[in-house]
PDB file of N, CA and C in Angstrom:
ATOM      1  N   MET A   1     139.769  80.056 129.755  1.00  0.00           N
ATOM      2  CA  MET A   1     140.572  81.024 129.069  1.00  0.00           C
ATOM      3  C   MET A   1     139.862  82.287 129.044  1.00  0.00           C
ATOM      4  N   ILE A   2     140.669  83.341 129.231  1.00  0.00           N
ATOM      5  CA  ILE A   2     140.194  84.735 129.403  1.00  0.00           C
ATOM      6  C   ILE A   2     140.387  85.368 127.931  1.00  0.00           C
ATOM      7  N   GLY A   3     139.234  85.830 127.136  1.00  0.00           N
ATOM      8  CA  GLY A   3     139.405  86.452 125.995  1.00  0.00           C
ATOM      9  C   GLY A   3     140.015  87.788 126.022  1.00  0.00           C
ATOM     10  N   GLN A   4     140.801  88.126 124.938  1.00  0.00           N
ATOM     11  CA  GLN A   4     141.286  89.512 124.873  1.00  0.00           C
ATOM     12  C   GLN A   4     140.296  90.423 124.508  1.00  0.00           C
ATOM     13  N   PRO A   5     140.426  91.683 125.101  1.00  0.00           N
ATOM     14  CA  PRO A   5     139.515  92.735 124.776  1.00  0.00           C
ATOM     15  C   PRO A   5     139.695  93.073 123.175  1.00  0.00           C
ATOM     16  N   GLN A   6     138.628  93.448 122.544  1.00  0.00           N
ATOM     17  CA  GLN A   6     138.696  93.892 121.282  1.00  0.00           C
ATOM     18  C   GLN A   6     139.452  95.232 121.132  1.00  0.00           C
ATOM     19  N   ARG A   7     140.281  95.308 120.078  1.00  0.00           N
ATOM     20  CA  ARG A   7     141.062  96.538 120.035  1.00  0.00           C
ATOM     21  C   ARG A   7     140.168  97.599 119.233  1.00  0.00           C
ATOM     22  N   GLN A   8     139.916  98.832 119.665  1.00  0.00           N
ATOM     23  CA  GLN A   8     139.238  99.708 119.094  1.00  0.00           C
ATOM     24  C   GLN A   8     140.046 100.517 118.145  1.00  0.00           C
ATOM     25  N   LEU A   9     140.062 100.415 116.819  1.00  0.00           N
ATOM     26  CA  LEU A   9     140.917 101.148 115.821  1.00  0.00           C
ATOM     27  C   LEU A   9     140.284 102.394 115.423  1.00  0.00           C
ATOM     28  N   ILE A  10     141.038 103.447 115.317  1.00  0.00           N
ATOM     29  CA  ILE A  10     140.411 104.783 114.877  1.00  0.00           C
ATOM     30  C   ILE A  10     141.156 105.207 113.683  1.00  0.00           C
ATOM     31  N   THR A  11     140.505 106.017 112.879  1.00  0.00           N
ATOM     32  CA  THR A  11     141.176 106.482 111.629  1.00  0.00           C
ATOM     33  C   THR A  11     142.117 107.673 112.175  1.00  0.00           C
ATOM     34  N   PRO A  12     143.227 108.066 111.253  1.00  0.00           N
ATOM     35  CA  PRO A  12     143.969 109.309 111.533  1.00  0.00           C
ATOM     36  C   PRO A  12     143.126 110.534 111.827  1.00  0.00           C
ATOM     37  N   VAL A  13     142.138 110.809 110.945  1.00  0.00           N
ATOM     38  CA  VAL A  13     141.385 111.961 111.179  1.00  0.00           C
ATOM     39  C   VAL A  13     140.671 111.923 112.561  1.00  0.00           C
ATOM     40  N   GLU A  14     140.006 110.763 113.037  1.00  0.00           N
ATOM     41  CA  GLU A  14     139.520 110.798 114.220  1.00  0.00           C
ATOM     42  C   GLU A  14     140.451 111.117 115.417  1.00  0.00           C
ATOM     43  N   TYR A  15     141.580 110.478 115.198  1.00  0.00           N
ATOM     44  CA  TYR A  15     142.569 110.583 116.227  1.00  0.00           C
ATOM     45  C   TYR A  15     143.002 112.194 116.409  1.00  0.00           C
ATOM     46  N   LEU A  16     143.160 112.803 115.178  1.00  0.00           N
ATOM     47  CA  LEU A  16     143.608 114.102 115.327  1.00  0.00           C
ATOM     48  C   LEU A  16     142.514 115.039 115.904  1.00  0.00           C
ATOM     49  N   GLU A  17     141.210 114.691 115.479  1.00  0.00           N
ATOM     50  CA  GLU A  17     140.155 115.500 116.132  1.00  0.00           C
ATOM     51  C   GLU A  17     140.042 115.232 117.788  1.00  0.00           C
ATOM     52  N   TRP A  18     140.305 114.004 118.033  1.00  0.00           N
ATOM     53  CA  TRP A  18     140.271 113.612 119.612  1.00  0.00           C
ATOM     54  C   TRP A  18     141.415 114.229 120.364  1.00  0.00           C
ATOM     55  N   GLU A  19     142.610 114.093 119.712  1.00  0.00           N
ATOM     56  CA  GLU A  19     143.855 114.640 120.387  1.00  0.00           C
ATOM     57  C   GLU A  19     143.694 115.969 120.746  1.00  0.00           C
ATOM     58  N   GLU A  20     143.214 116.789 119.926  1.00  0.00           N
ATOM     59  CA  GLU A  20     143.317 118.261 120.229  1.00  0.00           C
ATOM     60  C   GLU A  20     142.710 118.609 121.655  1.00  0.00           C
ATOM     61  N   GLN A  21     141.662 117.678 121.952  1.00  0.00           N
ATOM     62  CA  GLN A  21     140.887 118.005 123.220  1.00  0.00           C
ATOM     63  C   GLN A  21     141.668 117.352 124.488  1.00  0.00           C
ATOM     64  N   GLN A  22     142.732 116.661 124.296  1.00  0.00           N
ATOM     65  CA  GLN A  22     143.319 115.917 125.363  1.00  0.00           C
ATOM     66  C   GLN A  22     144.465 116.787 126.175  1.00  0.00           C
ATOM     67  N   PRO A  23     144.562 116.610 127.403  1.00  0.00           N
ATOM     68  CA  PRO A  23     145.523 117.392 128.188  1.00  0.00           C
ATOM     69  C   PRO A  23     146.910 116.774 128.280  1.00  0.00           C
ATOM     70  N   ILE A  24     147.025 115.438 127.822  1.00  0.00           N
ATOM     71  CA  ILE A  24     148.299 114.879 127.811  1.00  0.00           C
ATOM     72  C   ILE A  24     148.721 114.578 126.292  1.00  0.00           C
ATOM     73  N   LYS A  25     149.766 114.156 125.984  1.00  0.00           N
ATOM     74  CA  LYS A  25     150.209 113.728 124.657  1.00  0.00           C
ATOM     75  C   LYS A  25     150.050 112.235 124.459  1.00  0.00           C
ATOM     76  N   TYR A  26     149.603 111.995 123.199  1.00  0.00           N
ATOM     77  CA  TYR A  26     149.322 110.544 122.774  1.00  0.00           C
ATOM     78  C   TYR A  26     150.145 110.258 121.525  1.00  0.00           C
ATOM     79  N   GLU A  27     150.209 109.015 121.257  1.00  0.00           N
ATOM     80  CA  GLU A  27     150.936 108.584 119.875  1.00  0.00           C
ATOM     81  C   GLU A  27     149.899 107.692 119.236  1.00  0.00           C
ATOM     82  N   TYR A  28     149.769 107.809 117.993  1.00  0.00           N
ATOM     83  CA  TYR A  28     148.917 106.961 117.123  1.00  0.00           C
ATOM     84  C   TYR A  28     149.812 106.105 116.161  1.00  0.00           C
ATOM     85  N   ILE A  29     149.465 104.793 116.340  1.00  0.00           N
ATOM     86  CA  ILE A  29     150.133 103.789 115.630  1.00  0.00           C
ATOM     87  C   ILE A  29     149.370 102.744 115.088  1.00  0.00           C
ATOM     88  N   ASP A  30     149.073 102.669 113.640  1.00  0.00           N
ATOM     89  CA  ASP A  30     148.292 101.807 113.100  1.00  0.00           C
ATOM     90  C   ASP A  30     146.775 101.741 113.651  1.00  0.00           C
ATOM     91  N   GLY A  31     146.301 102.830 113.857  1.00  0.00           N
ATOM     92  CA  GLY A  31     144.749 102.740 114.294  1.00  0.00           C
ATOM     93  C   GLY A  31     144.665 102.790 115.800  1.00  0.00           C
ATOM     94  N   GLU A  32     145.746 102.497 116.607  1.00  0.00           N
ATOM     95  CA  GLU A  32     145.751 102.462 117.999  1.00  0.00           C
ATOM     96  C   GLU A  32     146.308 103.690 118.672  1.00  0.00           C
ATOM     97  N   VAL A  33     145.859 104.038 119.935  1.00  0.00           N
ATOM     98  CA  VAL A  33     146.232 105.346 120.598  1.00  0.00           C
ATOM     99  C   VAL A  33     146.966 104.896 121.851  1.00  0.00           C
ATOM    100  N   PHE A  34     148.164 105.399 122.056  1.00  0.00           N
ATOM    101  CA  PHE A  34     149.035 105.032 123.153  1.00  0.00           C
ATOM    102  C   PHE A  34     149.246 106.393 123.869  1.00  0.00           C
ATOM    103  N   ALA A  35     149.151 106.489 125.317  1.00  0.00           N
ATOM    104  CA  ALA A  35     149.460 107.585 126.008  1.00  0.00           C
ATOM    105  C   ALA A  35     150.978 107.617 126.210  1.00  0.00           C
ATOM    106  N   MET A  36     151.459 108.772 126.206  1.00  0.00           N
ATOM    107  CA  MET A  36     152.847 109.085 126.252  1.00  0.00           C
ATOM    108  C   MET A  36     153.258 109.562 127.678  1.00  0.00           C
ATOM    109  N   THR A  37     154.474 109.186 128.360  1.00  0.00           N
ATOM    110  CA  THR A  37     154.634 109.514 129.581  1.00  0.00           C
ATOM    111  C   THR A  37     155.156 111.024 129.491  1.00  0.00           C
ATOM    112  N   GLY A  38     155.059 111.680 130.650  1.00  0.00           N
ATOM    113  CA  GLY A  38     155.560 113.020 130.841  1.00  0.00           C
ATOM    114  C   GLY A  38     157.104 113.037 130.729  1.00  0.00           C
ATOM    115  N   GLY A  39     157.632 114.150 130.415  1.00  0.00           N
ATOM    116  CA  GLY A  39     159.124 114.393 130.358  1.00  0.00           C
ATOM    117  C   GLY A  39     159.728 114.462 131.809  1.00  0.00           C
ATOM    118  N   THR A  40     161.048 114.239 131.915  1.00  0.00           N
ATOM    119  CA  THR A  40     161.843 114.290 133.049  1.00  0.00           C
ATOM    120  C   THR A  40     163.095 114.935 132.576  1.00  0.00           C
ATOM    121  N   LEU A  41     163.812 115.464 133.655  1.00  0.00           N
ATOM    122  CA  LEU A  41     165.030 116.066 133.295  1.00  0.00           C
ATOM    123  C   LEU A  41     166.079 115.048 132.731  1.00  0.00           C
ATOM    124  N   PRO A  42     166.202 113.755 133.278  1.00  0.00           N
ATOM    125  CA  PRO A  42     167.110 112.766 132.811  1.00  0.00           C
ATOM    126  C   PRO A  42     166.653 112.461 131.422  1.00  0.00           C
ATOM    127  N   HIS A  43     165.207 112.265 131.144  1.00  0.00           N
ATOM    128  CA  HIS A  43     164.940 111.905 129.749  1.00  0.00           C
ATOM    129  C   HIS A  43     165.144 112.988 128.776  1.00  0.00           C
ATOM    130  N   ASN A  44     164.935 114.243 129.241  1.00  0.00           N
ATOM    131  CA  ASN A  44     165.372 115.413 128.239  1.00  0.00           C
ATOM    132  C   ASN A  44     166.889 115.374 127.933  1.00  0.00           C
ATOM    133  N   SER A  45     167.546 115.039 128.979  1.00  0.00           N
ATOM    134  CA  SER A  45     169.104 115.296 128.776  1.00  0.00           C
ATOM    135  C   SER A  45     169.628 114.071 127.830  1.00  0.00           C
ATOM    136  N   ILE A  46     168.959 112.949 127.808  1.00  0.00           N
ATOM    137  CA  ILE A  46     169.323 111.820 127.017  1.00  0.00           C
ATOM    138  C   ILE A  46     168.713 112.190 125.528  1.00  0.00           C
ATOM    139  N   ALA A  47     167.593 112.898 125.403  1.00  0.00           N
ATOM    140  CA  ALA A  47     166.979 113.174 124.036  1.00  0.00           C
ATOM    141  C   ALA A  47     167.881 114.305 123.531  1.00  0.00           C
ATOM    142  N   VAL A  48     168.491 115.242 124.190  1.00  0.00           N
ATOM    143  CA  VAL A  48     169.291 116.251 123.647  1.00  0.00           C
ATOM    144  C   VAL A  48     170.623 115.684 123.271  1.00  0.00           C
ATOM    145  N   ASN A  49     171.137 114.794 124.228  1.00  0.00           N
ATOM    146  CA  ASN A  49     172.563 114.095 123.686  1.00  0.00           C
ATOM    147  C   ASN A  49     172.394 113.411 122.417  1.00  0.00           C
ATOM    148  N   LEU A  50     171.464 112.453 122.409  1.00  0.00           N
ATOM    149  CA  LEU A  50     171.179 111.624 121.286  1.00  0.00           C
ATOM    150  C   LEU A  50     170.879 112.481 120.019  1.00  0.00           C
ATOM    151  N   THR A  51     170.107 113.584 120.154  1.00  0.00           N
ATOM    152  CA  THR A  51     169.791 114.285 118.927  1.00  0.00           C
ATOM    153  C   THR A  51     171.129 114.916 118.414  1.00  0.00           C
ATOM    154  N   SER A  52     171.977 115.363 119.465  1.00  0.00           N
ATOM    155  CA  SER A  52     173.220 116.098 118.972  1.00  0.00           C
ATOM    156  C   SER A  52     174.133 115.027 118.435  1.00  0.00           C
ATOM    157  N   ALA A  53     174.263 113.880 118.848  1.00  0.00           N
ATOM    158  CA  ALA A  53     175.051 112.847 118.310  1.00  0.00           C
ATOM    159  C   ALA A  53     174.619 112.525 116.896  1.00  0.00           C
ATOM    160  N   LEU A  54     173.367 112.270 116.675  1.00  0.00           N
ATOM    161  CA  LEU A  54     172.723 111.946 115.336  1.00  0.00           C
ATOM    162  C   LEU A  54     173.002 113.058 114.327  1.00  0.00           C
ATOM    163  N   LYS A  55     172.861 114.306 114.859  1.00  0.00           N
ATOM    164  CA  LYS A  55     173.010 115.440 113.895  1.00  0.00           C
ATOM    165  C   LYS A  55     174.500 115.557 113.468  1.00  0.00           C
ATOM    166  N   ASN A  56     175.358 115.375 114.356  1.00  0.00           N
ATOM    167  CA  ASN A  56     176.879 115.508 114.030  1.00  0.00           C
ATOM    168  C   ASN A  56     177.152 114.221 113.192  1.00  0.00           C
ATOM    169  N   HIS A  57     176.754 113.072 113.329  1.00  0.00           N
ATOM    170  CA  HIS A  57     177.094 111.876 112.583  1.00  0.00           C
ATOM    171  C   HIS A  57     176.433 111.897 111.255  1.00  0.00           C
ATOM    172  N   LEU A  58     175.210 112.533 110.990  1.00  0.00           N
ATOM    173  CA  LEU A  58     174.512 112.551 109.706  1.00  0.00           C
ATOM    174  C   LEU A  58     174.828 113.886 109.135  1.00  0.00           C
ATOM    175  N   ARG A  59     175.667 114.786 109.470  1.00  0.00           N
ATOM    176  CA  ARG A  59     175.889 115.955 108.887  1.00  0.00           C
ATOM    177  C   ARG A  59     176.587 115.578 107.379  1.00  0.00           C
ATOM    178  N   GLY A  60     175.971 116.300 106.343  1.00  0.00           N
ATOM    179  CA  GLY A  60     176.453 116.235 105.041  1.00  0.00           C
ATOM    180  C   GLY A  60     175.910 114.969 104.411  1.00  0.00           C
ATOM    181  N   LYS A  61     174.949 114.210 104.968  1.00  0.00           N
ATOM    182  CA  LYS A  61     174.451 112.983 104.329  1.00  0.00           C
ATOM    183  C   LYS A  61     173.072 113.154 103.753  1.00  0.00           C
ATOM    184  N   GLY A  62     172.555 114.451 103.761  1.00  0.00           N
ATOM    185  CA  GLY A  62     171.089 114.617 103.281  1.00  0.00           C
ATOM    186  C   GLY A  62     169.948 114.240 104.204  1.00  0.00           C
ATOM    187  N   CYS A  63     170.477 114.138 105.428  1.00  0.00           N
ATOM    188  CA  CYS A  63     169.381 113.779 106.406  1.00  0.00           C
ATOM    189  C   CYS A  63     169.036 114.900 107.479  1.00  0.00           C
ATOM    190  N   LYS A  64     167.949 115.039 107.974  1.00  0.00           N
ATOM    191  CA  LYS A  64     167.666 115.982 108.970  1.00  0.00           C
ATOM    192  C   LYS A  64     167.294 115.241 110.233  1.00  0.00           C
ATOM    193  N   VAL A  65     167.718 115.902 111.280  1.00  0.00           N
ATOM    194  CA  VAL A  65     167.351 115.463 112.748  1.00  0.00           C
ATOM    195  C   VAL A  65     166.474 116.331 113.415  1.00  0.00           C
ATOM    196  N   PHE A  66     165.364 115.777 114.029  1.00  0.00           N
ATOM    197  CA  PHE A  66     164.512 116.707 114.701  1.00  0.00           C
ATOM    198  C   PHE A  66     164.263 116.308 116.127  1.00  0.00           C
ATOM    199  N   LYS A  67     164.152 117.060 116.992  1.00  0.00           N
ATOM    200  CA  LYS A  67     163.840 116.635 118.530  1.00  0.00           C
ATOM    201  C   LYS A  67     162.719 117.683 118.922  1.00  0.00           C
ATOM    202  N   GLY A  68     161.646 117.191 119.456  1.00  0.00           N
ATOM    203  CA  GLY A  68     160.708 118.064 119.936  1.00  0.00           C
ATOM    204  C   GLY A  68     159.456 117.351 120.110  1.00  0.00           C
ATOM    205  N   THR A  69     158.711 117.696 121.185  1.00  0.00           N
ATOM    206  CA  THR A  69     157.347 117.166 121.437  1.00  0.00           C
ATOM    207  C   THR A  69     156.274 117.630 120.613  1.00  0.00           C
ATOM    208  N   GLU A  70     156.513 118.829 120.161  1.00  0.00           N
ATOM    209  CA  GLU A  70     155.343 119.467 119.332  1.00  0.00           C
ATOM    210  C   GLU A  70     155.388 118.950 117.830  1.00  0.00           C
ATOM    211  N   LEU A  71     156.362 118.282 117.410  1.00  0.00           N
ATOM    212  CA  LEU A  71     156.490 117.883 116.050  1.00  0.00           C
ATOM    213  C   LEU A  71     155.595 116.646 115.819  1.00  0.00           C
ATOM    214  N   GLU A  72     154.740 116.683 114.797  1.00  0.00           N
ATOM    215  CA  GLU A  72     153.929 115.607 114.460  1.00  0.00           C
ATOM    216  C   GLU A  72     154.361 115.080 112.966  1.00  0.00           C
ATOM    217  N   ILE A  73     154.563 113.793 112.921  1.00  0.00           N
ATOM    218  CA  ILE A  73     154.996 113.281 111.659  1.00  0.00           C
ATOM    219  C   ILE A  73     154.049 112.187 111.183  1.00  0.00           C
ATOM    220  N   TYR A  74     153.625 112.347 109.942  1.00  0.00           N
ATOM    221  CA  TYR A  74     152.772 111.174 109.452  1.00  0.00           C
ATOM    222  C   TYR A  74     153.417 110.355 108.472  1.00  0.00           C
ATOM    223  N   LEU A  75     153.609 109.149 108.671  1.00  0.00           N
ATOM    224  CA  LEU A  75     154.259 108.190 107.662  1.00  0.00           C
ATOM    225  C   LEU A  75     153.183 107.413 107.154  1.00  0.00           C
ATOM    226  N   THR A  76     153.114 107.139 105.675  1.00  0.00           N
ATOM    227  CA  THR A  76     152.116 106.237 105.133  1.00  0.00           C
ATOM    228  C   THR A  76     152.556 104.873 105.229  1.00  0.00           C
ATOM    229  N   SER A  77     153.766 104.642 105.380  1.00  0.00           N
ATOM    230  CA  SER A  77     154.364 103.396 105.559  1.00  0.00           C
ATOM    231  C   SER A  77     155.799 103.463 106.049  1.00  0.00           C
ATOM    232  N   VAL A  78     156.227 102.325 106.867  1.00  0.00           N
ATOM    233  CA  VAL A  78     157.474 102.342 107.408  1.00  0.00           C
ATOM    234  C   VAL A  78     158.144 101.084 107.164  1.00  0.00           C
ATOM    235  N   ASP A  79     159.331 101.322 106.462  1.00  0.00           N
ATOM    236  CA  ASP A  79     160.105 100.186 106.028  1.00  0.00           C
ATOM    237  C   ASP A  79     161.551 100.663 105.991  1.00  0.00           C
ATOM    238  N   PHE A  80     162.321 100.359 107.192  1.00  0.00           N
ATOM    239  CA  PHE A  80     163.591 100.818 107.260  1.00  0.00           C
ATOM    240  C   PHE A  80     164.348  99.858 108.298  1.00  0.00           C
ATOM    241  N   HIS A  81     165.706  99.856 108.232  1.00  0.00           N
ATOM    242  CA  HIS A  81     166.342  99.160 109.227  1.00  0.00           C
ATOM    243  C   HIS A  81     167.360 100.355 110.083  1.00  0.00           C
ATOM    244  N   CYS A  82     167.058 100.453 111.253  1.00  0.00           N
ATOM    245  CA  CYS A  82     167.578 101.569 112.051  1.00  0.00           C
ATOM    246  C   CYS A  82     169.136 100.929 112.425  1.00  0.00           C
ATOM    247  N   PRO A  83     170.095 101.720 111.953  1.00  0.00           N
ATOM    248  CA  PRO A  83     171.500 101.297 112.100  1.00  0.00           C
ATOM    249  C   PRO A  83     172.044 101.694 113.465  1.00  0.00           C
ATOM    250  N   ILE A  84     171.183 102.075 114.566  1.00  0.00           N
ATOM    251  CA  ILE A  84     171.802 102.463 115.832  1.00  0.00           C
ATOM    252  C   ILE A  84     171.488 101.513 116.984  1.00  0.00           C
ATOM    253  N   SER A  85     172.568 101.296 117.744  1.00  0.00           N
ATOM    254  CA  SER A  85     172.311 100.492 118.783  1.00  0.00           C
ATOM    255  C   SER A  85     172.477 101.278 120.073  1.00  0.00           C
ATOM    256  N   LEU A  86     171.720 101.220 121.073  1.00  0.00           N
ATOM    257  CA  LEU A  86     171.875 101.967 122.173  1.00  0.00           C
ATOM    258  C   LEU A  86     172.530 101.125 123.324  1.00  0.00           C
ATOM    259  N   VAL A  87     173.579 101.419 123.858  1.00  0.00           N
ATOM    260  CA  VAL A  87     174.255 100.431 124.927  1.00  0.00           C
ATOM    261  C   VAL A  87     174.397 101.410 125.947  1.00  0.00           C
ATOM    262  N   TYR A  88     173.718 101.175 127.222  1.00  0.00           N
ATOM    263  CA  TYR A  88     173.656 101.993 128.298  1.00  0.00           C
ATOM    264  C   TYR A  88     173.532 103.275 127.916  1.00  0.00           C
ATOM    265  N   GLU A  89     174.413 104.284 128.174  1.00  0.00           N
ATOM    266  CA  GLU A  89     174.234 105.677 127.702  1.00  0.00           C
ATOM    267  C   GLU A  89     175.088 106.016 126.571  1.00  0.00           C
ATOM    268  N   ASP A  90     175.724 105.050 125.908  1.00  0.00           N
ATOM    269  CA  ASP A  90     176.470 105.291 124.781  1.00  0.00           C
ATOM    270  C   ASP A  90     175.692 105.056 123.421  1.00  0.00           C
ATOM    271  N   VAL A  91     175.840 105.790 122.439  1.00  0.00           N
ATOM    272  CA  VAL A  91     175.330 105.624 121.076  1.00  0.00           C
ATOM    273  C   VAL A  91     176.374 104.916 120.288  1.00  0.00           C
ATOM    274  N   VAL A  92     176.139 103.822 119.703  1.00  0.00           N
ATOM    275  CA  VAL A  92     177.178 103.084 118.939  1.00  0.00           C
ATOM    276  C   VAL A  92     176.589 103.068 117.556  1.00  0.00           C
ATOM    277  N   PHE A  93     177.346 103.541 116.618  1.00  0.00           N
ATOM    278  CA  PHE A  93     177.088 103.519 115.228  1.00  0.00           C
ATOM    279  C   PHE A  93     177.788 102.316 114.562  1.00  0.00           C
ATOM    280  N   PRO A  94     177.045 101.730 113.635  1.00  0.00           N
ATOM    281  CA  PRO A  94     177.726 100.644 112.836  1.00  0.00           C
ATOM    282  C   PRO A  94     178.932 101.170 111.982  1.00  0.00           C
ATOM    283  N   GLU A  95     179.954 100.266 111.836  1.00  0.00           N
ATOM    284  CA  GLU A  95     181.070 100.698 111.093  1.00  0.00           C
ATOM    285  C   GLU A  95     181.072 100.548 109.627  1.00  0.00           C
ATOM    286  N   ASP A  96     179.893 100.003 109.136  1.00  0.00           N
ATOM    287  CA  ASP A  96     179.615  99.480 107.707  1.00  0.00           C
ATOM    288  C   ASP A  96     179.472 100.863 106.892  1.00  0.00           C
ATOM    289  N   ASP A  97     180.637 101.201 106.187  1.00  0.00           N
ATOM    290  CA  ASP A  97     180.688 102.356 105.261  1.00  0.00           C
ATOM    291  C   ASP A  97     180.694 101.973 103.877  1.00  0.00           C
ATOM    292  N   SER A  98     180.263 100.564 103.462  1.00  0.00           N
ATOM    293  CA  SER A  98     180.432 100.215 102.106  1.00  0.00           C
ATOM    294  C   SER A  98     179.395 101.027 101.324  1.00  0.00           C
ATOM    295  N   GLU A  99     179.316 100.837  99.961  1.00  0.00           N
ATOM    296  CA  GLU A  99     178.514 101.453  99.053  1.00  0.00           C
ATOM    297  C   GLU A  99     177.104 100.916  98.939  1.00  0.00           C
ATOM    298  N   ASP A 100     176.942  99.692  99.687  1.00  0.00           N
ATOM    299  CA  ASP A 100     175.819  99.071  99.734  1.00  0.00           C
ATOM    300  C   ASP A 100     174.986  99.378 101.039  1.00  0.00           C
ATOM    301  N   SER A 101     175.747 100.172 102.032  1.00  0.00           N
ATOM    302  CA  SER A 101     175.168 100.546 103.350  1.00  0.00           C
ATOM    303  C   SER A 101     174.370 101.778 103.033  1.00  0.00           C
ATOM    304  N   PRO A 102     173.086 101.614 103.471  1.00  0.00           N
ATOM    305  CA  PRO A 102     172.203 103.011 103.382  1.00  0.00           C
ATOM    306  C   PRO A 102     172.730 104.145 104.083  1.00  0.00           C
ATOM    307  N   ASP A 103     172.434 105.202 103.416  1.00  0.00           N
ATOM    308  CA  ASP A 103     172.781 106.628 104.181  1.00  0.00           C
ATOM    309  C   ASP A 103     171.556 106.992 104.902  1.00  0.00           C
ATOM    310  N   TYR A 104     171.621 107.060 106.208  1.00  0.00           N
ATOM    311  CA  TYR A 104     170.608 107.444 107.171  1.00  0.00           C
ATOM    312  C   TYR A 104     170.955 108.805 107.654  1.00  0.00           C
TER     313      TYR A 104
END
């Protein structure tokens, strides 16, 4: 049996200092660093369309939608249920508008 390599975890401060020196974009999740792929025209088109659809759907619900590779967000914890399903190129929103349904 081949052993798994030990994961080298780093702190958020270490990541931010290291990332400033990197020529490509990285993502930091729970102490691990992942390289992000470069953008393509189809990827950008999908991102713009999805951002527009989300912004229109969430208008007036107290939410903000951001799209951008220069935006850095720090979350201390993540505990949510994403109500969006992606089916091929369509964005499908759940029909549950009950009072118990969360506003996203």
